[in-house]
Amino acid sequence: MATGSMAEAAVLGVLAPGGTLTASQISEQAQITGWSTRRAIGQLESRGLVVPSPHASRWSITPRGRAAWATKFRRYAQ
């Protein structure tokens, strides 16, 4: 999926400000289902755009994820 999905864009948008969040926190803030959130996180992790934190299953955005958010994913958030 070269251009990404709306769920992936939503996850990156929630993580873009920084910090680490659980999948349920991401789901709540992005207003998408837990299943969609987990799938998007998996896709983003496989491309190196998000990474798991060692603290209780939390996720954070990578510099590469920030670049992707700034270039191609931000249009989904409009």
C-alpha atoms as a PDB file:
ATOM      1  CA  MET A   1       0.000   0.000   0.000  1.00  0.00           C
ATOM      2  CA  ALA A   2       2.148   2.817  -1.308  1.00  0.00           C
ATOM      3  CA  THR A   3      -0.068   5.753  -0.437  1.00  0.00           C
ATOM      4  CA  GLY A   4      -1.236   4.489   2.936  1.00  0.00           C
ATOM      5  CA  SER A   5      -4.701   4.360   4.354  1.00  0.00           C
ATOM      6  CA  MET A   6      -6.914   6.710   6.265  1.00  0.00           C
ATOM      7  CA  ALA A   7      -6.436   4.615   9.422  1.00  0.00           C
ATOM      8  CA  GLU A   8      -2.657   4.793   9.043  1.00  0.00           C
ATOM      9  CA  ALA A   9      -2.878   8.547   8.559  1.00  0.00           C
ATOM     10  CA  ALA A  10      -5.063   8.842  11.660  1.00  0.00           C
ATOM     11  CA  VAL A  11      -2.568   6.858  13.744  1.00  0.00           C
ATOM     12  CA  LEU A  12       0.361   8.961  12.535  1.00  0.00           C
ATOM     13  CA  GLY A  13      -1.633  12.127  13.164  1.00  0.00           C
ATOM     14  CA  VAL A  14      -2.270  11.137  16.763  1.00  0.00           C
ATOM     15  CA  LEU A  15       1.372  10.199  17.333  1.00  0.00           C
ATOM     16  CA  ALA A  16       2.875  13.158  15.424  1.00  0.00           C
ATOM     17  CA  PRO A  17       2.891  15.597  18.378  1.00  0.00           C
ATOM     18  CA  GLY A  18       5.197  13.199  20.255  1.00  0.00           C
ATOM     19  CA  GLY A  19       5.007  10.949  23.249  1.00  0.00           C
ATOM     20  CA  THR A  20       3.970   7.334  23.504  1.00  0.00           C
ATOM     21  CA  LEU A  21       0.427   5.999  23.558  1.00  0.00           C
ATOM     22  CA  THR A  22      -1.268   2.630  23.899  1.00  0.00           C
ATOM     23  CA  ALA A  23      -3.289   1.240  21.012  1.00  0.00           C
ATOM     24  CA  SER A  24      -6.516   1.995  22.879  1.00  0.00           C
ATOM     25  CA  GLN A  25      -5.447   5.616  23.463  1.00  0.00           C
ATOM     26  CA  ILE A  26      -4.581   5.947  19.785  1.00  0.00           C
ATOM     27  CA  SER A  27      -7.916   4.392  18.808  1.00  0.00           C
ATOM     28  CA  GLU A  28      -9.845   6.778  21.054  1.00  0.00           C
ATOM     29  CA  GLN A  29      -8.017   9.899  19.887  1.00  0.00           C
ATOM     30  CA  ALA A  30      -8.118   8.903  16.211  1.00  0.00           C
ATOM     31  CA  GLN A  31     -11.778   7.905  16.499  1.00  0.00           C
ATOM     32  CA  ILE A  32     -11.258   4.600  14.703  1.00  0.00           C
ATOM     33  CA  THR A  33     -11.991   1.041  15.823  1.00  0.00           C
ATOM     34  CA  GLY A  34      -9.505  -0.943  17.854  1.00  0.00           C
ATOM     35  CA  TRP A  35      -9.155  -3.451  15.032  1.00  0.00           C
ATOM     36  CA  SER A  36      -8.363  -0.713  12.486  1.00  0.00           C
ATOM     37  CA  THR A  37      -5.893   0.825  14.902  1.00  0.00           C
ATOM     38  CA  ARG A  38      -4.031  -2.425  15.503  1.00  0.00           C
ATOM     39  CA  ARG A  39      -3.905  -3.195  11.790  1.00  0.00           C
ATOM     40  CA  ALA A  40      -2.629   0.304  10.959  1.00  0.00           C
ATOM     41  CA  ILE A  41       0.001   0.089  13.699  1.00  0.00           C
ATOM     42  CA  GLY A  42       1.185  -3.224  12.277  1.00  0.00           C
ATOM     43  CA  GLN A  43       1.449  -1.797   8.781  1.00  0.00           C
ATOM     44  CA  LEU A  44       3.236   1.333   9.998  1.00  0.00           C
ATOM     45  CA  GLU A  45       5.637  -0.683  12.153  1.00  0.00           C
ATOM     46  CA  SER A  46       6.532  -2.938   9.219  1.00  0.00           C
ATOM     47  CA  ARG A  47       7.556   0.176   7.255  1.00  0.00           C
ATOM     48  CA  GLY A  48       9.513   1.700  10.145  1.00  0.00           C
ATOM     49  CA  LEU A  49       7.102   4.601  10.700  1.00  0.00           C
ATOM     50  CA  VAL A  50       6.184   3.716  14.289  1.00  0.00           C
ATOM     51  CA  VAL A  51       8.035   1.726  16.947  1.00  0.00           C
ATOM     52  CA  PRO A  52       6.920  -0.052  20.089  1.00  0.00           C
ATOM     53  CA  SER A  53       8.063   1.362  23.376  1.00  0.00           C
ATOM     54  CA  PRO A  54       9.366  -0.915  26.107  1.00  0.00           C
ATOM     55  CA  HIS A  55       6.762   0.624  28.423  1.00  0.00           C
ATOM     56  CA  ALA A  56       3.519  -1.352  28.533  1.00  0.00           C
ATOM     57  CA  SER A  57       2.729  -1.777  24.832  1.00  0.00           C
ATOM     58  CA  ARG A  58       2.978   1.865  23.885  1.00  0.00           C
ATOM     59  CA  TRP A  59       3.793   3.220  20.443  1.00  0.00           C
ATOM     60  CA  SER A  60       5.675   6.254  19.199  1.00  0.00           C
ATOM     61  CA  ILE A  61       6.358   7.795  15.809  1.00  0.00           C
ATOM     62  CA  THR A  62       9.820   7.598  14.231  1.00  0.00           C
ATOM     63  CA  PRO A  63      11.597  10.407  12.376  1.00  0.00           C
ATOM     64  CA  ARG A  64      10.730   8.535   9.186  1.00  0.00           C
ATOM     65  CA  GLY A  65       7.082   8.467  10.318  1.00  0.00           C
ATOM     66  CA  ARG A  66       7.146  12.231  10.891  1.00  0.00           C
ATOM     67  CA  ALA A  67       8.474  12.731   7.367  1.00  0.00           C
ATOM     68  CA  ALA A  68       5.743  10.500   5.936  1.00  0.00           C
ATOM     69  CA  TRP A  69       3.105  12.368   7.957  1.00  0.00           C
ATOM     70  CA  ALA A  70       4.407  15.713   6.706  1.00  0.00           C
ATOM     71  CA  THR A  71       4.451  14.660   3.064  1.00  0.00           C
ATOM     72  CA  LYS A  72       1.889  12.066   2.059  1.00  0.00           C
ATOM     73  CA  PHE A  73      -0.380  11.253   5.000  1.00  0.00           C
ATOM     74  CA  ARG A  74      -1.386  14.726   6.113  1.00  0.00           C
ATOM     75  CA  ARG A  75      -3.853  15.050   3.201  1.00  0.00           C
ATOM     76  CA  TYR A  76      -6.062  12.384   4.827  1.00  0.00           C
ATOM     77  CA  ALA A  77      -6.428  14.528   7.933  1.00  0.00           C
ATOM     78  CA  GLN A  78      -7.796  17.529   6.049  1.00  0.00           C
END
